[in-house]
């Protein structure tokens, strides 16, 4: 066993056995890769505190928002094939986008105060989270819509759940939300196929991702980790949360199930300039363009919670400038963990975290299944993992 493996194994073990109830996670799988292959895979803890099934590297996770990067890849393939203009009005592919208006507040009777947007949404705006959409757990306005108007929640994976007002005029701000669900529908519109079918053929097959999809196979379902909820005293309670397995909409923003080794294959493709182990996924020039900051003078800000049960207020690398690419956060400066300036990364709601450092030729992922997002125990352990990886590199 190498010193790196021993150190990372110990980090995972400590995260699942610490005496601090606020820091302990039920189970974790982590993986690290370079362009030429995997450096580390490890697992610790249990899939569920309810039955003590051990966590294994082939455990299946609800990926939530790590789905966005895969959908962004599918969008860029459409651009490569000449099917999609990122700067054309996205309503040319999805006319219903032109039905959405900007919400300016609520009248005394509780009705929405709406107006027409000053510009039309483009697919580039969807990719950059500047289209005007939000999430109910990061927006008081969207939270009120769910609570008072019967607006369906996105967990139901319906078209109606996406028909929300815009929080601002498209292109004027960065705001994290349902944009990538709409981007997935753009892919479906120009391909004439469901998003999962497109991903399976054009992304999962050339990467060898046999355990990834919007619908779990029986084998995947048997290996699924339980999503847990952390209570105020730190206790981890199993939930019954499972994403819809026959959804009306295959949600490009949050709907994929995957394993950490599978997703590592996806991360490795970005280190390999778009080349997969069984075929090319993106052209090198597309990878370079997709990995660059697309926000211009706009910046990524903190995520302020409006639903503490689902998400804590979170900011990655506070004090450092952060931008957005297609579809990843970009840290504009080098990070305290060792991550290079210009590296890519993001996360999933149940405290999954990944990064891609093309300059240092290293990428990695931490997988857990805990709510709320931004759990201090899981996030701290992930950052410790990332730091330990960089310390171990030659």
Protein backbone atom coordinates (compact mmCIF):
# COMPACT_ATOMS: atom_id res chain seq x y z
CA UNK A 1 0.00 0.00 0.00
CA UNK A 2 1.37 3.42 -0.98
CA UNK A 3 1.67 6.28 1.49
CA UNK A 4 -1.00 8.18 -0.48
CA UNK A 5 -3.46 5.28 -0.27
CA UNK A 6 -2.85 4.84 3.44
CA UNK A 7 -3.32 8.55 4.13
CA UNK A 8 -6.54 8.82 2.12
CA UNK A 9 -7.94 5.59 3.55
CA UNK A 10 -7.30 6.98 7.01
CA UNK A 11 -9.02 10.26 6.15
CA UNK A 12 -12.14 8.40 4.99
CA UNK A 13 -12.09 6.16 8.05
CA UNK A 14 -11.83 9.13 10.42
CA UNK A 15 -14.72 10.89 8.67
CA UNK A 16 -16.99 7.92 9.34
CA UNK A 17 -15.83 7.11 12.89
CA UNK A 18 -15.14 10.49 14.54
CA UNK A 19 -16.69 11.00 17.98
CA UNK A 20 -17.96 14.42 16.89
CA UNK A 21 -21.60 13.78 15.86
CA UNK A 22 -21.69 16.98 13.77
CA UNK A 23 -18.67 15.86 11.73
CA UNK A 24 -19.34 12.15 11.29
CA UNK A 25 -20.67 10.96 7.93
CA UNK A 26 -22.40 7.57 7.55
CA UNK A 27 -20.36 6.49 4.54
CA UNK A 28 -18.17 7.84 1.79
CA UNK A 29 -16.55 6.79 -1.47
CA UNK A 30 -13.72 8.89 -2.89
CA UNK A 31 -11.64 8.62 -6.04
CA UNK A 32 -8.71 10.51 -7.55
CA UNK A 33 -7.41 10.32 -11.11
CA UNK A 34 -4.80 11.60 -13.51
CA UNK A 35 -5.24 11.64 -17.28
CA UNK A 36 -3.57 8.24 -17.61
CA UNK A 37 -5.57 6.44 -14.92
CA UNK A 38 -6.94 6.24 -11.41
CA UNK A 39 -4.63 7.15 -8.53
CA UNK A 40 -6.96 6.21 -5.70
CA UNK A 41 -10.33 4.62 -4.91
CA UNK A 42 -11.56 4.06 -1.40
CA UNK A 43 -14.68 3.55 0.68
CA UNK A 44 -15.51 3.70 4.37
CA UNK A 45 -18.55 3.51 6.59
CA UNK A 46 -21.99 2.23 5.67
CA UNK A 47 -24.51 2.81 2.90
CA UNK A 48 -27.23 3.36 5.49
CA UNK A 49 -27.22 3.75 9.25
CA UNK A 50 -30.49 1.83 9.13
CA UNK A 51 -29.05 -1.55 8.13
CA UNK A 52 -25.26 -1.15 8.37
CA UNK A 53 -24.63 -2.36 4.81
CA UNK A 54 -20.95 -1.52 4.19
CA UNK A 55 -20.05 1.24 1.77
CA UNK A 56 -18.17 -0.14 -1.24
CA UNK A 57 -16.55 1.61 -4.20
CA UNK A 58 -19.35 0.40 -6.51
CA UNK A 59 -22.08 1.97 -4.37
CA UNK A 60 -24.63 3.97 -6.36
CA UNK A 61 -25.27 7.61 -5.43
CA UNK A 62 -27.95 10.15 -6.28
CA UNK A 63 -25.67 12.59 -8.06
CA UNK A 64 -27.96 15.61 -7.88
CA UNK A 65 -26.14 18.65 -9.30
CA UNK A 66 -23.03 16.84 -10.46
CA UNK A 67 -25.45 15.95 -13.28
CA UNK A 68 -25.05 19.51 -14.59
CA UNK A 69 -21.53 18.94 -15.89
CA UNK A 70 -22.70 15.91 -17.88
CA UNK A 71 -25.59 17.88 -19.38
CA UNK A 72 -23.18 20.68 -20.25
CA UNK A 73 -21.09 18.13 -22.13
CA UNK A 74 -24.16 16.99 -24.08
CA UNK A 75 -24.90 20.62 -24.98
CA UNK A 76 -21.38 21.18 -26.27
CA UNK A 77 -21.64 18.06 -28.42
CA UNK A 78 -24.71 19.63 -30.04
CA UNK A 79 -22.65 22.75 -30.75
CA UNK A 80 -19.89 20.63 -32.29
CA UNK A 81 -22.44 18.91 -34.54
CA UNK A 82 -23.83 22.22 -35.78
CA UNK A 83 -27.24 21.60 -34.21
CA UNK A 84 -27.18 24.40 -31.68
CA UNK A 85 -26.21 28.08 -31.58
CA UNK A 86 -25.41 29.04 -27.98
CA UNK A 87 -26.30 32.68 -28.66
CA UNK A 88 -29.57 32.16 -30.49
CA UNK A 89 -32.73 32.63 -28.42
CA UNK A 90 -33.28 29.29 -26.70
CA UNK A 91 -36.99 29.69 -27.48
CA UNK A 92 -36.11 28.78 -31.06
CA UNK A 93 -35.69 25.27 -29.66
CA UNK A 94 -38.12 25.54 -26.71
CA UNK A 95 -40.86 28.12 -27.51
CA UNK A 96 -42.25 27.96 -23.97
CA UNK A 97 -39.21 29.85 -22.67
CA UNK A 98 -40.67 33.00 -24.23
CA UNK A 99 -43.72 32.59 -21.95
CA UNK A 100 -41.70 33.24 -18.80
CA UNK A 101 -41.74 36.68 -17.19
CA UNK A 102 -39.63 38.42 -14.56
CA UNK A 103 -41.12 38.52 -11.06
CA UNK A 104 -40.71 41.86 -9.29
CA UNK A 105 -42.45 40.88 -6.08
CA UNK A 106 -45.87 40.09 -4.70
CA UNK A 107 -48.95 42.30 -4.48
CA UNK A 108 -50.87 42.81 -1.24
CA UNK A 109 -53.22 39.98 -2.21
CA UNK A 110 -50.28 37.61 -2.71
CA UNK A 111 -50.42 37.64 -6.50
CA UNK A 112 -47.20 37.85 -8.47
CA UNK A 113 -46.06 41.17 -9.92
CA UNK A 114 -44.69 40.22 -13.34
CA UNK A 115 -43.21 41.98 -16.35
CA UNK A 116 -41.69 41.00 -19.65
CA UNK A 117 -37.91 40.39 -19.61
CA UNK A 118 -35.71 42.94 -21.36
CA UNK A 119 -33.83 40.24 -23.31
CA UNK A 120 -34.48 36.68 -24.45
CA UNK A 121 -32.79 33.70 -22.85
CA UNK A 122 -30.00 32.01 -24.80
CA UNK A 123 -28.57 28.54 -24.26
CA UNK A 124 -25.29 30.18 -23.26
CA UNK A 125 -27.16 31.92 -20.43
CA UNK A 126 -28.62 28.59 -19.38
CA UNK A 127 -25.13 27.09 -19.29
CA UNK A 128 -23.77 29.99 -17.24
CA UNK A 129 -26.69 30.35 -14.78
CA UNK A 130 -27.39 33.88 -15.95
CA UNK A 131 -30.83 33.14 -17.45
CA UNK A 132 -32.75 34.25 -14.35
CA UNK A 133 -33.76 30.94 -12.77
CA UNK A 134 -33.32 29.92 -9.13
CA UNK A 135 -33.91 27.10 -6.67
CA UNK A 136 -36.50 27.18 -3.92
CA UNK A 137 -33.86 26.33 -1.29
CA UNK A 138 -31.70 29.27 -2.40
CA UNK A 139 -34.47 31.79 -3.19
CA UNK A 140 -37.07 33.26 -0.84
CA UNK A 141 -39.19 34.14 -3.89
CA UNK A 142 -39.21 30.58 -5.23
CA UNK A 143 -39.79 29.25 -1.74
CA UNK A 144 -42.88 31.44 -1.45
CA UNK A 145 -44.14 30.25 -4.83
CA UNK A 146 -43.94 26.64 -3.64
CA UNK A 147 -45.58 27.41 -0.32
CA UNK A 148 -48.39 29.68 -1.51
CA UNK A 149 -49.17 29.13 -5.19
CA UNK A 150 -49.10 25.39 -5.74
CA UNK A 151 -46.00 25.68 -7.90
CA UNK A 152 -44.70 22.06 -8.18
CA UNK A 153 -41.31 21.24 -6.71
CA UNK A 154 -38.55 20.20 -9.11
CA UNK A 155 -38.11 16.88 -7.29
CA UNK A 156 -41.24 15.74 -9.11
CA UNK A 157 -39.36 16.06 -12.42
CA UNK A 158 -42.25 17.64 -14.31
CA UNK A 159 -42.37 20.33 -16.98
CA UNK A 160 -44.74 22.34 -14.80
CA UNK A 161 -42.05 22.51 -12.09
CA UNK A 162 -39.75 24.32 -14.52
CA UNK A 163 -42.32 26.93 -15.59
CA UNK A 164 -41.23 29.46 -13.00
CA UNK A 165 -40.84 33.22 -13.29
CA UNK A 166 -37.40 34.69 -13.78
CA UNK A 167 -35.73 36.43 -10.85
CA UNK A 168 -34.04 39.06 -13.05
CA UNK A 169 -33.51 40.04 -16.67
CA UNK A 170 -31.55 37.34 -18.53
CA UNK A 171 -27.83 37.95 -18.80
CA UNK A 172 -27.56 40.51 -16.00
CA UNK A 173 -26.62 38.35 -12.98
CA UNK A 174 -25.32 34.94 -11.97
CA UNK A 175 -27.81 32.92 -9.94
CA UNK A 176 -27.79 29.20 -9.32
CA UNK A 177 -30.95 27.38 -10.34
CA UNK A 178 -32.82 25.23 -12.83
CA UNK A 179 -31.07 26.50 -15.96
CA UNK A 180 -29.40 23.15 -16.71
CA UNK A 181 -32.75 21.33 -16.61
CA UNK A 182 -33.79 23.65 -19.43
CA UNK A 183 -30.44 23.06 -21.17
CA UNK A 184 -31.18 19.32 -21.11
CA UNK A 185 -34.51 20.00 -22.81
CA UNK A 186 -32.65 21.99 -25.48
CA UNK A 187 -30.53 18.89 -26.15
CA UNK A 188 -33.69 16.80 -26.46
CA UNK A 189 -35.24 19.32 -28.85
CA UNK A 190 -32.29 19.44 -31.25
CA UNK A 191 -31.51 15.71 -31.04
CA UNK A 192 -35.12 14.49 -31.13
CA UNK A 193 -34.34 11.98 -28.37
CA UNK A 194 -34.56 11.80 -24.59
CA UNK A 195 -31.60 13.21 -22.71
CA UNK A 196 -30.71 9.88 -21.09
CA UNK A 197 -30.55 8.16 -24.47
CA UNK A 198 -28.26 10.87 -25.83
CA UNK A 199 -25.97 10.64 -22.80
CA UNK A 200 -25.87 6.84 -22.90
CA UNK A 201 -24.76 6.77 -26.53
CA UNK A 202 -22.52 9.81 -26.75
CA UNK A 203 -21.03 10.11 -23.24
CA UNK A 204 -21.46 6.99 -21.11
CA UNK A 205 -20.53 4.45 -23.82
CA UNK A 206 -17.23 6.08 -24.90
CA UNK A 207 -16.31 6.61 -21.25
CA UNK A 208 -17.31 3.13 -20.05
CA UNK A 209 -19.85 4.53 -17.55
CA UNK A 210 -22.00 1.42 -17.16
CA UNK A 211 -23.49 2.41 -13.79
CA UNK A 212 -24.85 5.86 -14.64
CA UNK A 213 -28.31 6.90 -15.74
CA UNK A 214 -31.54 8.66 -14.88
CA UNK A 215 -33.16 5.29 -14.22
CA UNK A 216 -31.36 2.73 -12.06
CA UNK A 217 -30.97 -0.85 -13.25
CA UNK A 218 -31.92 -3.53 -10.69
CA UNK A 219 -28.22 -3.97 -9.91
CA UNK A 220 -27.79 -0.24 -9.34
CA UNK A 221 -30.84 -0.09 -7.09
CA UNK A 222 -29.44 -2.91 -4.94
CA UNK A 223 -26.20 -0.94 -4.45
CA UNK A 224 -27.81 2.46 -3.79
CA UNK A 225 -26.71 4.44 -0.74
CA UNK A 226 -29.45 5.93 1.42
CA UNK A 227 -29.81 9.70 1.59
CA UNK A 228 -29.55 10.79 5.23
CA UNK A 229 -30.78 13.91 7.04
CA UNK A 230 -28.61 15.44 9.74
CA UNK A 231 -30.69 16.63 12.69
CA UNK A 232 -29.66 19.63 14.86
CA UNK A 233 -27.92 17.37 17.40
CA UNK A 234 -25.88 15.73 14.64
CA UNK A 235 -27.84 12.49 14.48
CA UNK A 236 -28.02 11.00 10.97
CA UNK A 237 -31.49 9.75 10.04
CA UNK A 238 -32.13 7.64 6.91
CA UNK A 239 -34.70 9.04 4.49
CA UNK A 240 -36.73 7.43 1.74
CA UNK A 241 -35.62 9.98 -0.82
CA UNK A 242 -35.31 8.46 -4.30
CA UNK A 243 -35.42 10.49 -7.48
CA UNK A 244 -38.29 9.60 -9.87
CA UNK A 245 -37.42 6.48 -11.84
CA UNK A 246 -39.90 7.07 -14.67
CA UNK A 247 -39.80 10.87 -14.80
CA UNK A 248 -41.76 13.08 -17.13
CA UNK A 249 -38.57 15.15 -17.54
CA UNK A 250 -35.08 13.67 -17.29
CA UNK A 251 -33.71 16.54 -15.26
CA UNK A 252 -30.39 17.68 -16.69
CA UNK A 253 -29.72 19.68 -13.56
CA UNK A 254 -29.97 16.94 -10.96
CA UNK A 255 -31.39 13.62 -12.11
CA UNK A 256 -28.49 11.19 -12.61
CA UNK A 257 -27.55 8.21 -10.46
CA UNK A 258 -23.91 7.14 -10.68
CA UNK A 259 -20.95 5.54 -8.93
CA UNK A 260 -17.78 7.35 -7.97
CA UNK A 261 -15.59 5.22 -10.29
CA UNK A 262 -18.01 5.97 -13.15
CA UNK A 263 -17.95 9.69 -12.51
CA UNK A 264 -14.16 9.58 -12.24
CA UNK A 265 -14.14 8.38 -15.86
CA UNK A 266 -16.07 11.52 -16.75
CA UNK A 267 -13.60 13.72 -14.83
CA UNK A 268 -10.69 11.96 -16.53
CA UNK A 269 -12.13 12.81 -19.96
CA UNK A 270 -11.71 16.51 -19.10
CA UNK A 271 -8.06 15.88 -18.20
CA UNK A 272 -7.62 14.04 -21.52
CA UNK A 273 -8.87 16.93 -23.69
CA UNK A 274 -12.15 15.16 -24.42
CA UNK A 275 -10.82 11.68 -25.14
CA UNK A 276 -12.53 8.72 -23.49
CA UNK A 277 -11.23 5.20 -22.99
CA UNK A 278 -13.55 3.90 -25.74
CA UNK A 279 -13.83 6.93 -27.99
CA UNK A 280 -13.77 10.70 -28.15
CA UNK A 281 -16.46 12.68 -26.33
CA UNK A 282 -15.44 16.27 -27.10
CA UNK A 283 -12.87 17.90 -29.34
CA UNK A 284 -9.84 19.41 -27.59
CA UNK A 285 -10.80 22.90 -28.67
CA UNK A 286 -14.31 22.39 -27.25
CA UNK A 287 -12.86 21.29 -23.92
CA UNK A 288 -10.67 24.39 -23.80
CA UNK A 289 -13.63 26.66 -24.55
CA UNK A 290 -15.95 24.87 -22.13
CA UNK A 291 -13.39 25.01 -19.30
CA UNK A 292 -12.89 28.78 -19.55
CA UNK A 293 -14.67 31.48 -17.58
CA UNK A 294 -17.77 32.50 -19.53
CA UNK A 295 -19.13 35.16 -17.17
CA UNK A 296 -16.97 38.10 -18.19
CA UNK A 297 -17.19 40.69 -15.41
CA UNK A 298 -19.88 38.79 -13.49
CA UNK A 299 -18.84 36.59 -10.58
CA UNK A 300 -20.19 33.61 -8.67
CA UNK A 301 -21.45 34.63 -5.24
CA UNK A 302 -22.30 32.78 -2.03
CA UNK A 303 -25.31 30.48 -1.94
CA UNK A 304 -27.68 31.89 0.70
CA UNK A 305 -30.16 29.37 2.00
CA UNK A 306 -33.92 29.90 2.14
CA UNK A 307 -34.49 26.32 3.38
CA UNK A 308 -31.94 25.29 6.04
CA UNK A 309 -33.35 21.74 6.15
CA UNK A 310 -32.19 21.19 2.56
CA UNK A 311 -29.19 23.48 2.18
CA UNK A 312 -26.96 25.56 4.39
CA UNK A 313 -25.64 28.90 3.25
CA UNK A 314 -22.42 27.92 1.48
CA UNK A 315 -19.48 29.54 -0.26
CA UNK A 316 -16.57 27.67 -1.74
CA UNK A 317 -13.20 29.27 -0.93
CA UNK A 318 -14.55 32.43 0.71
CA UNK A 319 -12.68 35.56 -0.30
CA UNK A 320 -11.44 34.10 -3.59
CA UNK A 321 -12.80 35.20 -6.97
CA UNK A 322 -14.97 32.56 -8.67
CA UNK A 323 -16.44 32.41 -12.17
CA UNK A 324 -18.47 29.87 -14.19
CA UNK A 325 -17.79 27.68 -17.22
CA UNK A 326 -19.91 25.07 -19.13
CA UNK A 327 -21.04 23.85 -16.55
CA UNK A 328 -18.62 24.18 -13.65
CA UNK A 329 -17.46 26.73 -11.12
CA UNK A 330 -14.03 28.16 -11.95
CA UNK A 331 -11.74 29.28 -9.13
CA UNK A 332 -10.02 32.29 -10.64
CA UNK A 333 -7.16 32.10 -8.13
CA UNK A 334 -5.28 29.16 -6.67
CA UNK A 335 -7.12 27.64 -3.71
CA UNK A 336 -5.85 26.84 -0.20
CA UNK A 337 -6.19 23.12 -0.90
CA UNK A 338 -3.58 23.32 -3.68
CA UNK A 339 -6.05 23.54 -6.54
CA UNK A 340 -4.61 25.60 -9.43
CA UNK A 341 -6.11 28.84 -10.66
CA UNK A 342 -8.55 28.08 -13.46
CA UNK A 343 -9.55 24.69 -12.06
CA UNK A 344 -13.11 23.44 -12.35
CA UNK A 345 -15.40 22.00 -9.73
CA UNK A 346 -18.87 21.70 -8.33
CA UNK A 347 -21.10 19.66 -6.04
CA UNK A 348 -24.34 17.73 -5.57
CA UNK A 349 -27.11 18.46 -3.06
CA UNK A 350 -26.39 15.43 -0.86
CA UNK A 351 -22.80 16.59 -0.27
CA UNK A 352 -20.98 15.22 -3.29
CA UNK A 353 -17.97 17.32 -4.34
CA UNK A 354 -15.56 17.15 -7.28
CA UNK A 355 -12.74 19.11 -8.85
CA UNK A 356 -10.80 19.04 -12.15
CA UNK A 357 -7.33 20.63 -12.22
CA UNK A 358 -6.13 20.47 -15.81
CA UNK A 359 -2.94 22.38 -15.00
CA UNK A 360 -1.81 19.84 -12.40
CA UNK A 361 -3.35 16.86 -14.24
CA UNK A 362 -5.46 15.70 -11.31
CA UNK A 363 -9.15 15.38 -10.55
CA UNK A 364 -11.14 13.83 -7.76
CA UNK A 365 -14.54 13.25 -6.24
CA UNK A 366 -15.99 12.75 -2.76
CA UNK A 367 -19.35 11.00 -2.54
CA UNK A 368 -21.67 11.08 0.45
CA UNK A 369 -25.45 11.12 0.84
CA UNK A 370 -26.33 13.67 3.50
CA UNK A 371 -28.74 16.59 3.71
CA UNK A 372 -28.59 19.52 4.12
CA UNK A 373 -26.15 20.61 1.43
CA UNK A 374 -23.03 22.28 2.76
CA UNK A 375 -22.89 19.91 5.73
CA UNK A 376 -19.81 21.08 7.67
CA UNK A 377 -18.61 17.54 8.42
CA UNK A 378 -18.78 16.34 4.83
CA UNK A 379 -17.45 19.56 3.30
CA UNK A 380 -14.54 19.79 5.73
CA UNK A 381 -13.57 16.15 5.13
CA UNK A 382 -13.74 16.68 1.36
CA UNK A 383 -11.44 19.71 1.53
CA UNK A 384 -9.06 17.69 3.71
CA UNK A 385 -9.07 14.99 1.03
CA UNK A 386 -8.30 17.48 -1.72
CA UNK A 387 -5.46 18.99 0.34
CA UNK A 388 -4.02 15.55 1.09
CA UNK A 389 -4.05 14.68 -2.60
CA UNK A 390 -1.99 17.73 -3.54
CA UNK A 391 0.46 17.09 -0.71
CA UNK A 392 0.97 13.56 -2.08
CA UNK A 393 1.70 14.62 -5.66
CA UNK A 394 5.31 14.59 -6.83
